[in-house]
Amino acid sequence: MRLLLVEDDKILGSSLKKTLEKHAYGVDWLTDGEAALTALTDLDFAVAVLDVNLPKMTGIEILRAARQRDIRVPVLLLTARDTALQKVEGLDSGADDYLVKPFDLDELLARLRALVRRSEGRIESILKSGEVELDPAALSVRLSGDPIIVTAKEFRVLKLLMERAGKYVPKNDIEYTLYSAENAAESNTTEVTIYSLRKKLGSEFIQSMRGVGYRVSA
């Protein structure tokens, strides 16, 4: 799952990027508003986190411009000011949620999961396919109730496939999940990761179609 993070504070941005990647998000981190609007226009994201106070364009200005272009990605605003006026302005501009700095990382992660669930029309946070269950909050995978140890890359790929259960996911989408936009994917990473997941979850769990992609059952 790709996430756009727009935060010009280098220390906070770096910390958030590492935390989000640990929780299976593929993160594109930008530091100015104009670049953020370009990214939202040109690329597909599952969710975006925008700081309000940014150089070149504010988070509010990005929101307004994105919504005018019919970009419907769920957006969580980060603001340093706990004022009702700014909250109302953000929500009226198209924000789906907001957090006031300083904030708890667990709360940020929970709010992001809720935004993604709502955008996908899901109620439960735990993803299920056959006998496999994936818990994004606990970073855990179970097969027939038994815990399965997976790597960070395996978790990301499995989470993407289970979020789109019943649909083939193109290899490019998987590579995009594994690598940030500025880093090229290694040629066989997807195949190696899928092979490893099949060994752990069963050879028939992940289906493939040449030239189309991979899927798990809904």
N, C-alpha and C. Protein backbone atom coordinates (compact mmCIF):
# COMPACT_ATOMS: atom_id res chain seq x y z
N MET A 1 0.84 -1.19 0.00
CA MET A 1 0.00 0.00 0.00
C MET A 1 0.88 1.25 0.00
N ARG A 2 0.66 2.13 -0.98
CA ARG A 2 1.46 3.34 -1.07
C ARG A 2 0.82 4.45 -0.24
N LEU A 3 1.67 5.15 0.48
CA LEU A 3 1.24 6.27 1.31
C LEU A 3 2.07 7.48 0.95
N LEU A 4 1.42 8.63 0.78
CA LEU A 4 2.14 9.88 0.55
C LEU A 4 2.27 10.62 1.87
N LEU A 5 3.50 10.89 2.27
CA LEU A 5 3.80 11.64 3.48
C LEU A 5 4.41 12.98 3.06
N VAL A 6 3.79 14.07 3.49
CA VAL A 6 4.30 15.41 3.16
C VAL A 6 4.56 16.14 4.47
N GLU A 7 5.84 16.24 4.81
CA GLU A 7 6.26 16.83 6.08
C GLU A 7 7.64 17.45 5.87
N ASP A 8 7.76 18.77 6.12
CA ASP A 8 9.02 19.45 5.85
C ASP A 8 9.99 19.40 7.02
N ASP A 9 9.53 18.95 8.17
CA ASP A 9 10.44 18.76 9.31
C ASP A 9 11.22 17.46 9.07
N LYS A 10 12.52 17.58 8.82
CA LYS A 10 13.31 16.42 8.42
C LYS A 10 13.37 15.34 9.50
N ILE A 11 13.47 15.75 10.75
CA ILE A 11 13.56 14.76 11.82
C ILE A 11 12.23 14.01 11.97
N LEU A 12 11.13 14.76 12.01
CA LEU A 12 9.82 14.13 12.14
C LEU A 12 9.49 13.31 10.91
N GLY A 13 9.79 13.85 9.73
CA GLY A 13 9.49 13.12 8.50
C GLY A 13 10.23 11.81 8.41
N SER A 14 11.51 11.82 8.77
CA SER A 14 12.31 10.60 8.73
C SER A 14 11.78 9.57 9.72
N SER A 15 11.42 10.04 10.91
CA SER A 15 10.89 9.12 11.93
C SER A 15 9.56 8.52 11.49
N LEU A 16 8.67 9.34 10.93
CA LEU A 16 7.38 8.84 10.47
C LEU A 16 7.55 7.85 9.33
N LYS A 17 8.45 8.15 8.41
CA LYS A 17 8.69 7.25 7.28
C LYS A 17 9.13 5.87 7.76
N LYS A 18 10.05 5.83 8.70
CA LYS A 18 10.53 4.55 9.22
C LYS A 18 9.42 3.80 9.93
N THR A 19 8.63 4.51 10.73
CA THR A 19 7.54 3.85 11.45
C THR A 19 6.49 3.30 10.49
N LEU A 20 6.12 4.09 9.50
CA LEU A 20 5.10 3.66 8.54
C LEU A 20 5.59 2.48 7.71
N GLU A 21 6.84 2.50 7.31
CA GLU A 21 7.39 1.38 6.55
C GLU A 21 7.44 0.11 7.39
N LYS A 22 7.71 0.27 8.67
CA LYS A 22 7.70 -0.88 9.57
C LYS A 22 6.32 -1.51 9.62
N HIS A 23 5.28 -0.71 9.41
CA HIS A 23 3.90 -1.20 9.45
C HIS A 23 3.36 -1.45 8.05
N ALA A 24 4.25 -1.79 7.13
CA ALA A 24 3.90 -2.31 5.80
C ALA A 24 3.35 -1.28 4.83
N TYR A 25 3.64 0.00 5.07
CA TYR A 25 3.30 1.01 4.07
C TYR A 25 4.53 1.26 3.20
N GLY A 26 4.29 1.44 1.91
CA GLY A 26 5.34 1.96 1.05
C GLY A 26 5.21 3.46 1.04
N VAL A 27 6.23 4.18 1.48
CA VAL A 27 6.10 5.61 1.75
C VAL A 27 6.87 6.45 0.74
N ASP A 28 6.17 7.41 0.13
CA ASP A 28 6.81 8.47 -0.64
C ASP A 28 6.80 9.71 0.23
N TRP A 29 7.98 10.15 0.65
CA TRP A 29 8.10 11.30 1.56
C TRP A 29 8.53 12.53 0.77
N LEU A 30 7.72 13.58 0.81
CA LEU A 30 8.02 14.84 0.16
C LEU A 30 8.01 15.95 1.20
N THR A 31 8.66 17.08 0.85
CA THR A 31 8.82 18.14 1.84
C THR A 31 8.25 19.48 1.42
N ASP A 32 7.64 19.59 0.23
CA ASP A 32 7.01 20.85 -0.14
C ASP A 32 5.68 20.61 -0.82
N GLY A 33 4.82 21.62 -0.77
CA GLY A 33 3.46 21.47 -1.23
C GLY A 33 3.30 21.28 -2.72
N GLU A 34 4.09 21.98 -3.52
CA GLU A 34 3.96 21.85 -4.97
C GLU A 34 4.29 20.43 -5.42
N ALA A 35 5.36 19.86 -4.87
CA ALA A 35 5.72 18.48 -5.22
C ALA A 35 4.64 17.51 -4.77
N ALA A 36 4.01 17.80 -3.64
CA ALA A 36 2.94 16.93 -3.13
C ALA A 36 1.75 16.92 -4.07
N LEU A 37 1.35 18.10 -4.56
CA LEU A 37 0.21 18.18 -5.46
C LEU A 37 0.51 17.45 -6.78
N THR A 38 1.73 17.58 -7.26
CA THR A 38 2.13 16.86 -8.47
C THR A 38 2.05 15.35 -8.26
N ALA A 39 2.54 14.90 -7.11
CA ALA A 39 2.51 13.46 -6.81
C ALA A 39 1.07 12.96 -6.71
N LEU A 40 0.21 13.71 -6.05
CA LEU A 40 -1.19 13.30 -5.91
C LEU A 40 -1.88 13.24 -7.28
N THR A 41 -1.48 14.13 -8.18
CA THR A 41 -2.08 14.19 -9.50
C THR A 41 -1.60 13.05 -10.39
N ASP A 42 -0.30 12.71 -10.29
CA ASP A 42 0.31 11.77 -11.23
C ASP A 42 0.34 10.32 -10.74
N LEU A 43 0.26 10.11 -9.42
CA LEU A 43 0.44 8.77 -8.86
C LEU A 43 -0.79 8.35 -8.06
N ASP A 44 -0.89 7.05 -7.83
CA ASP A 44 -2.01 6.50 -7.05
C ASP A 44 -1.54 6.18 -5.63
N PHE A 45 -2.24 6.72 -4.65
CA PHE A 45 -1.93 6.45 -3.25
C PHE A 45 -3.17 5.92 -2.55
N ALA A 46 -2.96 5.05 -1.56
CA ALA A 46 -4.08 4.55 -0.77
C ALA A 46 -4.51 5.58 0.26
N VAL A 47 -3.56 6.41 0.71
CA VAL A 47 -3.85 7.40 1.74
C VAL A 47 -2.71 8.43 1.72
N ALA A 48 -3.02 9.65 2.19
CA ALA A 48 -2.00 10.70 2.24
C ALA A 48 -2.01 11.36 3.62
N VAL A 49 -0.82 11.71 4.09
CA VAL A 49 -0.65 12.44 5.35
C VAL A 49 0.00 13.78 5.01
N LEU A 50 -0.73 14.88 5.25
CA LEU A 50 -0.24 16.21 4.87
C LEU A 50 -0.06 17.09 6.10
N ASP A 51 1.12 17.65 6.25
CA ASP A 51 1.30 18.70 7.25
C ASP A 51 0.60 19.96 6.73
N VAL A 52 0.05 20.75 7.61
CA VAL A 52 -0.63 21.97 7.18
C VAL A 52 0.37 23.03 6.77
N ASN A 53 1.41 23.22 7.56
CA ASN A 53 2.38 24.28 7.30
C ASN A 53 3.54 23.75 6.46
N LEU A 54 3.46 24.00 5.16
CA LEU A 54 4.46 23.51 4.22
C LEU A 54 4.97 24.66 3.35
N PRO A 55 6.21 24.57 2.86
CA PRO A 55 6.68 25.58 1.90
C PRO A 55 5.99 25.43 0.55
N LYS A 56 5.86 26.55 -0.16
CA LYS A 56 5.31 26.64 -1.53
C LYS A 56 3.79 26.51 -1.58
N MET A 57 3.21 25.51 -0.94
CA MET A 57 1.76 25.39 -0.82
C MET A 57 1.46 24.80 0.55
N THR A 58 0.44 25.31 1.20
CA THR A 58 0.06 24.73 2.50
C THR A 58 -0.73 23.44 2.28
N GLY A 59 -0.87 22.67 3.36
CA GLY A 59 -1.66 21.46 3.26
C GLY A 59 -3.10 21.74 2.86
N ILE A 60 -3.67 22.88 3.33
CA ILE A 60 -5.03 23.26 2.98
C ILE A 60 -5.11 23.56 1.48
N GLU A 61 -4.13 24.26 0.95
CA GLU A 61 -4.13 24.60 -0.48
C GLU A 61 -3.98 23.34 -1.34
N ILE A 62 -3.15 22.41 -0.89
CA ILE A 62 -3.01 21.14 -1.60
C ILE A 62 -4.34 20.41 -1.65
N LEU A 63 -4.99 20.35 -0.50
CA LEU A 63 -6.29 19.68 -0.40
C LEU A 63 -7.30 20.27 -1.37
N ARG A 64 -7.44 21.58 -1.33
CA ARG A 64 -8.43 22.23 -2.19
C ARG A 64 -8.16 21.95 -3.66
N ALA A 65 -6.88 22.07 -4.05
CA ALA A 65 -6.52 21.83 -5.44
C ALA A 65 -6.76 20.38 -5.84
N ALA A 66 -6.42 19.45 -4.93
CA ALA A 66 -6.61 18.02 -5.23
C ALA A 66 -8.09 17.68 -5.37
N ARG A 67 -8.91 18.18 -4.47
CA ARG A 67 -10.34 17.88 -4.54
C ARG A 67 -10.98 18.52 -5.78
N GLN A 68 -10.49 19.68 -6.18
CA GLN A 68 -11.00 20.31 -7.40
C GLN A 68 -10.66 19.47 -8.63
N ARG A 69 -9.57 18.72 -8.55
CA ARG A 69 -9.18 17.82 -9.64
C ARG A 69 -9.81 16.44 -9.49
N ASP A 70 -10.73 16.31 -8.55
CA ASP A 70 -11.44 15.05 -8.29
C ASP A 70 -10.50 13.94 -7.84
N ILE A 71 -9.45 14.30 -7.10
CA ILE A 71 -8.55 13.33 -6.50
C ILE A 71 -9.15 12.95 -5.14
N ARG A 72 -9.53 11.69 -5.01
CA ARG A 72 -10.33 11.29 -3.85
C ARG A 72 -9.55 10.51 -2.80
N VAL A 73 -8.25 10.50 -2.87
CA VAL A 73 -7.45 9.76 -1.89
C VAL A 73 -7.78 10.26 -0.48
N PRO A 74 -7.96 9.36 0.49
CA PRO A 74 -8.19 9.79 1.87
C PRO A 74 -6.99 10.59 2.40
N VAL A 75 -7.27 11.69 3.08
CA VAL A 75 -6.21 12.59 3.55
C VAL A 75 -6.35 12.82 5.05
N LEU A 76 -5.22 12.65 5.75
CA LEU A 76 -5.13 13.00 7.16
C LEU A 76 -4.22 14.21 7.28
N LEU A 77 -4.72 15.26 7.91
CA LEU A 77 -3.94 16.48 8.10
C LEU A 77 -3.20 16.46 9.43
N LEU A 78 -1.97 16.96 9.42
CA LEU A 78 -1.20 17.16 10.65
C LEU A 78 -1.10 18.66 10.90
N THR A 79 -1.50 19.10 12.06
CA THR A 79 -1.47 20.52 12.38
C THR A 79 -0.81 20.75 13.73
N ALA A 80 -0.09 21.86 13.83
CA ALA A 80 0.55 22.20 15.09
C ALA A 80 -0.34 23.06 15.96
N ARG A 81 -1.49 23.48 15.44
CA ARG A 81 -2.38 24.37 16.18
C ARG A 81 -3.71 23.68 16.46
N ASP A 82 -4.05 23.59 17.71
CA ASP A 82 -5.29 22.94 18.12
C ASP A 82 -6.40 23.99 18.20
N THR A 83 -6.79 24.50 17.04
CA THR A 83 -7.85 25.49 17.01
C THR A 83 -9.02 24.95 16.21
N ALA A 84 -10.23 25.26 16.68
CA ALA A 84 -11.42 24.78 16.00
C ALA A 84 -11.49 25.33 14.58
N LEU A 85 -11.05 26.58 14.39
CA LEU A 85 -11.13 27.21 13.08
C LEU A 85 -10.30 26.45 12.05
N GLN A 86 -9.07 26.07 12.44
CA GLN A 86 -8.22 25.37 11.49
C GLN A 86 -8.76 23.96 11.21
N LYS A 87 -9.31 23.31 12.23
CA LYS A 87 -9.89 21.98 12.02
C LYS A 87 -11.06 22.07 11.04
N VAL A 88 -11.93 23.05 11.25
CA VAL A 88 -13.09 23.22 10.36
C VAL A 88 -12.62 23.53 8.95
N GLU A 89 -11.64 24.41 8.83
CA GLU A 89 -11.11 24.77 7.51
C GLU A 89 -10.56 23.54 6.80
N GLY A 90 -9.83 22.71 7.54
CA GLY A 90 -9.25 21.51 6.94
C GLY A 90 -10.31 20.52 6.49
N LEU A 91 -11.28 20.28 7.34
CA LEU A 91 -12.35 19.33 7.00
C LEU A 91 -13.19 19.85 5.85
N ASP A 92 -13.49 21.15 5.86
CA ASP A 92 -14.28 21.74 4.78
C ASP A 92 -13.51 21.76 3.46
N SER A 93 -12.18 21.69 3.53
CA SER A 93 -11.37 21.69 2.31
C SER A 93 -11.22 20.30 1.72
N GLY A 94 -11.70 19.28 2.44
CA GLY A 94 -11.67 17.93 1.90
C GLY A 94 -10.87 16.93 2.70
N ALA A 95 -10.38 17.33 3.89
CA ALA A 95 -9.65 16.38 4.73
C ALA A 95 -10.62 15.34 5.30
N ASP A 96 -10.13 14.13 5.49
CA ASP A 96 -10.94 13.06 6.07
C ASP A 96 -10.72 12.94 7.57
N ASP A 97 -9.57 13.42 8.04
CA ASP A 97 -9.26 13.35 9.47
C ASP A 97 -8.10 14.28 9.74
N TYR A 98 -7.78 14.51 11.01
CA TYR A 98 -6.66 15.37 11.36
C TYR A 98 -6.09 14.93 12.70
N LEU A 99 -4.83 15.27 12.92
CA LEU A 99 -4.16 15.05 14.20
C LEU A 99 -3.39 16.31 14.56
N VAL A 100 -3.39 16.63 15.84
CA VAL A 100 -2.66 17.79 16.33
C VAL A 100 -1.31 17.34 16.85
N LYS A 101 -0.25 18.03 16.45
CA LYS A 101 1.09 17.74 16.96
C LYS A 101 1.23 18.30 18.36
N PRO A 102 1.99 17.62 19.24
CA PRO A 102 2.56 16.27 19.06
C PRO A 102 1.48 15.21 19.20
N PHE A 103 1.64 14.11 18.49
CA PHE A 103 0.63 13.06 18.51
C PHE A 103 1.27 11.72 18.83
N ASP A 104 0.43 10.78 19.22
CA ASP A 104 0.89 9.42 19.51
C ASP A 104 0.95 8.63 18.22
N LEU A 105 2.05 7.93 17.98
CA LEU A 105 2.21 7.18 16.73
C LEU A 105 1.17 6.08 16.59
N ASP A 106 0.81 5.45 17.69
CA ASP A 106 -0.21 4.40 17.62
C ASP A 106 -1.56 4.98 17.17
N GLU A 107 -1.86 6.20 17.63
CA GLU A 107 -3.10 6.83 17.20
C GLU A 107 -3.05 7.17 15.72
N LEU A 108 -1.91 7.66 15.25
CA LEU A 108 -1.76 7.94 13.81
C LEU A 108 -1.99 6.67 13.00
N LEU A 109 -1.38 5.57 13.39
CA LEU A 109 -1.52 4.31 12.66
C LEU A 109 -2.97 3.84 12.67
N ALA A 110 -3.62 3.96 13.82
CA ALA A 110 -5.02 3.53 13.93
C ALA A 110 -5.92 4.38 13.03
N ARG A 111 -5.69 5.67 12.99
CA ARG A 111 -6.50 6.55 12.15
C ARG A 111 -6.27 6.25 10.67
N LEU A 112 -5.04 5.95 10.29
CA LEU A 112 -4.76 5.60 8.90
C LEU A 112 -5.44 4.30 8.52
N ARG A 113 -5.40 3.31 9.40
CA ARG A 113 -6.09 2.05 9.11
C ARG A 113 -7.59 2.29 8.94
N ALA A 114 -8.16 3.16 9.77
CA ALA A 114 -9.59 3.44 9.68
C ALA A 114 -9.92 4.14 8.36
N LEU A 115 -9.06 5.07 7.93
CA LEU A 115 -9.30 5.76 6.66
C LEU A 115 -9.27 4.78 5.49
N VAL A 116 -8.30 3.88 5.51
CA VAL A 116 -8.19 2.91 4.43
C VAL A 116 -9.38 1.96 4.43
N ARG A 117 -9.78 1.51 5.61
CA ARG A 117 -10.94 0.61 5.69
C ARG A 117 -12.18 1.28 5.11
N ARG A 118 -12.41 2.53 5.49
CA ARG A 118 -13.59 3.22 4.99
C ARG A 118 -13.53 3.41 3.48
N SER A 119 -12.36 3.72 2.97
CA SER A 119 -12.24 3.93 1.53
C SER A 119 -12.45 2.65 0.75
N GLU A 120 -12.18 1.50 1.39
CA GLU A 120 -12.36 0.20 0.74
C GLU A 120 -13.70 -0.43 1.08
N GLY A 121 -14.49 0.25 1.91
CA GLY A 121 -15.80 -0.29 2.26
C GLY A 121 -15.72 -1.45 3.22
N ARG A 122 -14.63 -1.54 4.00
CA ARG A 122 -14.48 -2.62 4.97
C ARG A 122 -14.82 -2.12 6.37
N ILE A 123 -15.27 -3.04 7.22
CA ILE A 123 -15.55 -2.72 8.62
C ILE A 123 -14.45 -3.26 9.52
N GLU A 124 -14.11 -4.53 9.33
CA GLU A 124 -13.09 -5.16 10.18
C GLU A 124 -11.69 -4.77 9.71
N SER A 125 -10.78 -4.68 10.66
CA SER A 125 -9.39 -4.35 10.31
C SER A 125 -8.61 -5.59 9.90
N ILE A 126 -8.97 -6.75 10.43
CA ILE A 126 -8.25 -7.99 10.11
C ILE A 126 -8.65 -8.47 8.72
N LEU A 127 -7.65 -8.77 7.90
CA LEU A 127 -7.88 -9.25 6.54
C LEU A 127 -7.90 -10.77 6.54
N LYS A 128 -8.83 -11.35 5.79
CA LYS A 128 -8.98 -12.80 5.77
C LYS A 128 -9.07 -13.31 4.33
N SER A 129 -8.42 -14.43 4.08
CA SER A 129 -8.53 -15.13 2.80
C SER A 129 -8.33 -16.61 3.08
N GLY A 130 -9.38 -17.39 2.90
CA GLY A 130 -9.28 -18.81 3.23
C GLY A 130 -8.94 -18.98 4.70
N GLU A 131 -7.89 -19.74 4.98
CA GLU A 131 -7.46 -19.99 6.35
C GLU A 131 -6.40 -19.01 6.83
N VAL A 132 -6.13 -18.01 6.01
CA VAL A 132 -5.07 -17.03 6.35
C VAL A 132 -5.70 -15.76 6.89
N GLU A 133 -5.17 -15.26 8.01
CA GLU A 133 -5.60 -14.00 8.60
C GLU A 133 -4.39 -13.09 8.77
N LEU A 134 -4.56 -11.83 8.41
CA LEU A 134 -3.49 -10.84 8.56
C LEU A 134 -4.02 -9.68 9.38
N ASP A 135 -3.30 -9.34 10.43
CA ASP A 135 -3.67 -8.24 11.32
C ASP A 135 -2.71 -7.07 11.11
N PRO A 136 -3.13 -6.00 10.41
CA PRO A 136 -2.23 -4.89 10.14
C PRO A 136 -1.73 -4.19 11.40
N ALA A 137 -2.56 -4.16 12.44
CA ALA A 137 -2.17 -3.47 13.67
C ALA A 137 -1.10 -4.25 14.43
N ALA A 138 -1.27 -5.55 14.53
CA ALA A 138 -0.33 -6.39 15.27
C ALA A 138 0.84 -6.87 14.40
N LEU A 139 0.79 -6.57 13.10
CA LEU A 139 1.82 -7.03 12.16
C LEU A 139 1.97 -8.55 12.24
N SER A 140 0.83 -9.24 12.28
CA SER A 140 0.87 -10.69 12.45
C SER A 140 0.11 -11.40 11.34
N VAL A 141 0.52 -12.65 11.08
CA VAL A 141 -0.13 -13.50 10.09
C VAL A 141 -0.41 -14.84 10.74
N ARG A 142 -1.60 -15.37 10.50
CA ARG A 142 -1.97 -16.69 11.04
C ARG A 142 -2.51 -17.57 9.93
N LEU A 143 -2.16 -18.84 10.01
CA LEU A 143 -2.67 -19.85 9.09
C LEU A 143 -3.39 -20.90 9.91
N SER A 144 -4.69 -21.04 9.70
CA SER A 144 -5.53 -21.96 10.49
C SER A 144 -5.36 -21.72 11.99
N GLY A 145 -5.18 -20.44 12.36
CA GLY A 145 -5.07 -20.07 13.76
C GLY A 145 -3.66 -20.09 14.31
N ASP A 146 -2.71 -20.65 13.56
CA ASP A 146 -1.32 -20.73 14.03
C ASP A 146 -0.50 -19.57 13.48
N PRO A 147 0.33 -18.95 14.32
CA PRO A 147 1.14 -17.82 13.86
C PRO A 147 2.18 -18.25 12.81
N ILE A 148 2.35 -17.42 11.80
CA ILE A 148 3.33 -17.66 10.74
C ILE A 148 4.32 -16.50 10.75
N ILE A 149 5.59 -16.81 10.75
CA ILE A 149 6.63 -15.78 10.74
C ILE A 149 6.91 -15.38 9.29
N VAL A 150 6.76 -14.08 9.00
CA VAL A 150 7.05 -13.57 7.66
C VAL A 150 8.00 -12.39 7.78
N THR A 151 8.72 -12.12 6.69
CA THR A 151 9.61 -10.96 6.65
C THR A 151 8.79 -9.70 6.37
N ALA A 152 9.45 -8.56 6.50
CA ALA A 152 8.77 -7.29 6.23
C ALA A 152 8.28 -7.23 4.78
N LYS A 153 9.11 -7.67 3.84
CA LYS A 153 8.70 -7.66 2.43
C LYS A 153 7.53 -8.61 2.20
N GLU A 154 7.59 -9.78 2.80
CA GLU A 154 6.50 -10.74 2.64
C GLU A 154 5.20 -10.19 3.21
N PHE A 155 5.29 -9.50 4.34
CA PHE A 155 4.10 -8.93 4.96
C PHE A 155 3.48 -7.88 4.05
N ARG A 156 4.32 -7.02 3.47
CA ARG A 156 3.81 -5.98 2.57
C ARG A 156 3.08 -6.58 1.38
N VAL A 157 3.70 -7.57 0.75
CA VAL A 157 3.10 -8.18 -0.43
C VAL A 157 1.80 -8.89 -0.07
N LEU A 158 1.83 -9.65 1.02
CA LEU A 158 0.64 -10.38 1.45
C LEU A 158 -0.49 -9.41 1.79
N LYS A 159 -0.17 -8.33 2.47
CA LYS A 159 -1.19 -7.34 2.83
C LYS A 159 -1.82 -6.75 1.57
N LEU A 160 -1.03 -6.42 0.58
CA LEU A 160 -1.56 -5.88 -0.67
C LEU A 160 -2.47 -6.87 -1.36
N LEU A 161 -2.03 -8.13 -1.45
CA LEU A 161 -2.85 -9.15 -2.11
C LEU A 161 -4.17 -9.37 -1.38
N MET A 162 -4.13 -9.37 -0.05
CA MET A 162 -5.33 -9.63 0.72
C MET A 162 -6.27 -8.42 0.72
N GLU A 163 -5.72 -7.23 0.61
CA GLU A 163 -6.57 -6.04 0.48
C GLU A 163 -7.33 -6.05 -0.84
N ARG A 164 -6.75 -6.69 -1.84
CA ARG A 164 -7.40 -6.77 -3.16
C ARG A 164 -7.83 -8.21 -3.46
N ALA A 165 -8.19 -8.93 -2.43
CA ALA A 165 -8.56 -10.35 -2.59
C ALA A 165 -9.61 -10.51 -3.69
N GLY A 166 -9.39 -11.53 -4.52
CA GLY A 166 -10.30 -11.81 -5.62
C GLY A 166 -9.93 -11.11 -6.91
N LYS A 167 -8.95 -10.20 -6.86
CA LYS A 167 -8.52 -9.47 -8.04
C LYS A 167 -7.03 -9.72 -8.28
N TYR A 168 -6.64 -9.80 -9.55
CA TYR A 168 -5.23 -9.95 -9.87
C TYR A 168 -4.51 -8.62 -9.64
N VAL A 169 -3.39 -8.69 -8.95
CA VAL A 169 -2.57 -7.52 -8.67
C VAL A 169 -1.36 -7.55 -9.60
N PRO A 170 -1.19 -6.54 -10.46
CA PRO A 170 -0.05 -6.54 -11.38
C PRO A 170 1.28 -6.52 -10.64
N LYS A 171 2.28 -7.08 -11.28
CA LYS A 171 3.63 -7.10 -10.69
C LYS A 171 4.11 -5.69 -10.41
N ASN A 172 3.79 -4.73 -11.28
CA ASN A 172 4.23 -3.35 -11.07
C ASN A 172 3.68 -2.78 -9.77
N ASP A 173 2.44 -3.13 -9.42
CA ASP A 173 1.85 -2.66 -8.17
C ASP A 173 2.57 -3.25 -6.97
N ILE A 174 2.96 -4.51 -7.08
CA ILE A 174 3.69 -5.15 -6.00
C ILE A 174 5.06 -4.51 -5.83
N GLU A 175 5.75 -4.26 -6.94
CA GLU A 175 7.06 -3.61 -6.87
C GLU A 175 6.93 -2.21 -6.29
N TYR A 176 5.85 -1.52 -6.64
CA TYR A 176 5.62 -0.17 -6.13
C TYR A 176 5.42 -0.19 -4.62
N THR A 177 4.81 -1.27 -4.12
CA THR A 177 4.61 -1.43 -2.68
C THR A 177 5.94 -1.71 -1.97
N LEU A 178 6.81 -2.45 -2.64
CA LEU A 178 8.07 -2.85 -2.02
C LEU A 178 9.12 -1.76 -2.04
N TYR A 179 9.03 -0.87 -3.01
CA TYR A 179 10.08 0.13 -3.19
C TYR A 179 9.47 1.51 -3.30
N SER A 180 10.16 2.49 -2.77
CA SER A 180 9.71 3.87 -2.92
C SER A 180 9.91 4.32 -4.36
N ALA A 181 9.28 5.40 -4.72
CA ALA A 181 9.28 5.85 -6.11
C ALA A 181 10.69 6.12 -6.63
N GLU A 182 11.61 6.51 -5.74
CA GLU A 182 12.95 6.86 -6.21
C GLU A 182 13.89 5.66 -6.29
N ASN A 183 13.48 4.50 -5.82
CA ASN A 183 14.34 3.32 -5.84
C ASN A 183 13.80 2.27 -6.79
N ALA A 184 14.63 1.83 -7.71
CA ALA A 184 14.21 0.82 -8.68
C ALA A 184 14.14 -0.55 -8.01
N ALA A 185 13.16 -1.34 -8.43
CA ALA A 185 13.00 -2.68 -7.87
C ALA A 185 14.01 -3.64 -8.49
N GLU A 186 14.51 -4.56 -7.68
CA GLU A 186 15.37 -5.61 -8.20
C GLU A 186 14.53 -6.55 -9.06
N SER A 187 15.15 -7.11 -10.07
CA SER A 187 14.41 -7.80 -11.13
C SER A 187 13.55 -8.97 -10.63
N ASN A 188 14.05 -9.72 -9.66
CA ASN A 188 13.32 -10.94 -9.26
C ASN A 188 12.77 -10.89 -7.84
N THR A 189 12.71 -9.71 -7.24
CA THR A 189 12.25 -9.61 -5.86
C THR A 189 10.83 -10.10 -5.69
N THR A 190 9.94 -9.73 -6.60
CA THR A 190 8.54 -10.14 -6.49
C THR A 190 8.42 -11.65 -6.54
N GLU A 191 9.07 -12.27 -7.51
CA GLU A 191 8.99 -13.72 -7.68
C GLU A 191 9.53 -14.44 -6.44
N VAL A 192 10.64 -13.96 -5.91
CA VAL A 192 11.24 -14.59 -4.73
C VAL A 192 10.31 -14.46 -3.53
N THR A 193 9.70 -13.30 -3.36
CA THR A 193 8.80 -13.07 -2.24
C THR A 193 7.54 -13.94 -2.35
N ILE A 194 6.98 -14.03 -3.55
CA ILE A 194 5.80 -14.87 -3.77
C ILE A 194 6.13 -16.34 -3.50
N TYR A 195 7.29 -16.79 -3.98
CA TYR A 195 7.72 -18.17 -3.76
C TYR A 195 7.81 -18.48 -2.27
N SER A 196 8.40 -17.54 -1.52
CA SER A 196 8.55 -17.74 -0.09
C SER A 196 7.20 -17.78 0.62
N LEU A 197 6.28 -16.91 0.22
CA LEU A 197 4.94 -16.92 0.83
C LEU A 197 4.21 -18.21 0.52
N ARG A 198 4.36 -18.72 -0.68
CA ARG A 198 3.71 -19.99 -1.03
C ARG A 198 4.24 -21.14 -0.18
N LYS A 199 5.53 -21.12 0.12
CA LYS A 199 6.10 -22.16 0.96
C LYS A 199 5.51 -22.11 2.36
N LYS A 200 5.21 -20.90 2.84
CA LYS A 200 4.71 -20.75 4.20
C LYS A 200 3.20 -20.92 4.31
N LEU A 201 2.48 -20.55 3.23
CA LEU A 201 1.02 -20.51 3.30
C LEU A 201 0.33 -21.54 2.42
N GLY A 202 1.11 -22.28 1.66
CA GLY A 202 0.54 -23.29 0.76
C GLY A 202 0.74 -22.90 -0.70
N SER A 203 1.09 -23.85 -1.52
CA SER A 203 1.43 -23.57 -2.91
C SER A 203 0.26 -23.03 -3.72
N GLU A 204 -0.98 -23.32 -3.28
CA GLU A 204 -2.16 -22.88 -4.04
C GLU A 204 -2.76 -21.58 -3.50
N PHE A 205 -2.21 -21.06 -2.41
CA PHE A 205 -2.82 -19.89 -1.79
C PHE A 205 -2.72 -18.66 -2.70
N ILE A 206 -1.57 -18.45 -3.29
CA ILE A 206 -1.39 -17.32 -4.21
C ILE A 206 -1.43 -17.84 -5.64
N GLN A 207 -2.42 -17.40 -6.38
CA GLN A 207 -2.57 -17.80 -7.78
C GLN A 207 -1.88 -16.78 -8.67
N SER A 208 -1.46 -17.22 -9.85
CA SER A 208 -0.79 -16.32 -10.78
C SER A 208 -1.32 -16.53 -12.19
N MET A 209 -1.27 -15.45 -12.97
CA MET A 209 -1.61 -15.52 -14.39
C MET A 209 -0.54 -14.75 -15.14
N ARG A 210 0.14 -15.45 -16.05
CA ARG A 210 1.26 -14.84 -16.77
C ARG A 210 0.81 -13.58 -17.49
N GLY A 211 1.56 -12.52 -17.28
CA GLY A 211 1.27 -11.25 -17.92
C GLY A 211 0.17 -10.44 -17.25
N VAL A 212 -0.48 -11.02 -16.22
CA VAL A 212 -1.57 -10.31 -15.53
C VAL A 212 -1.18 -9.95 -14.10
N GLY A 213 -0.77 -10.97 -13.31
CA GLY A 213 -0.36 -10.69 -11.94
C GLY A 213 -0.67 -11.84 -11.00
N TYR A 214 -0.86 -11.50 -9.72
CA TYR A 214 -1.06 -12.48 -8.66
C TYR A 214 -2.34 -12.13 -7.91
N ARG A 215 -2.97 -13.15 -7.31
CA ARG A 215 -4.15 -12.89 -6.49
C ARG A 215 -4.31 -13.96 -5.43
N VAL A 216 -5.10 -13.62 -4.40
CA VAL A 216 -5.58 -14.60 -3.42
C VAL A 216 -7.10 -14.58 -3.49
N SER A 217 -7.72 -15.63 -3.01
CA SER A 217 -9.18 -15.74 -3.09
C SER A 217 -9.86 -14.79 -2.13
N ALA A 218 -11.01 -14.29 -2.53
CA ALA A 218 -11.79 -13.40 -1.67
C ALA A 218 -12.49 -14.21 -0.59
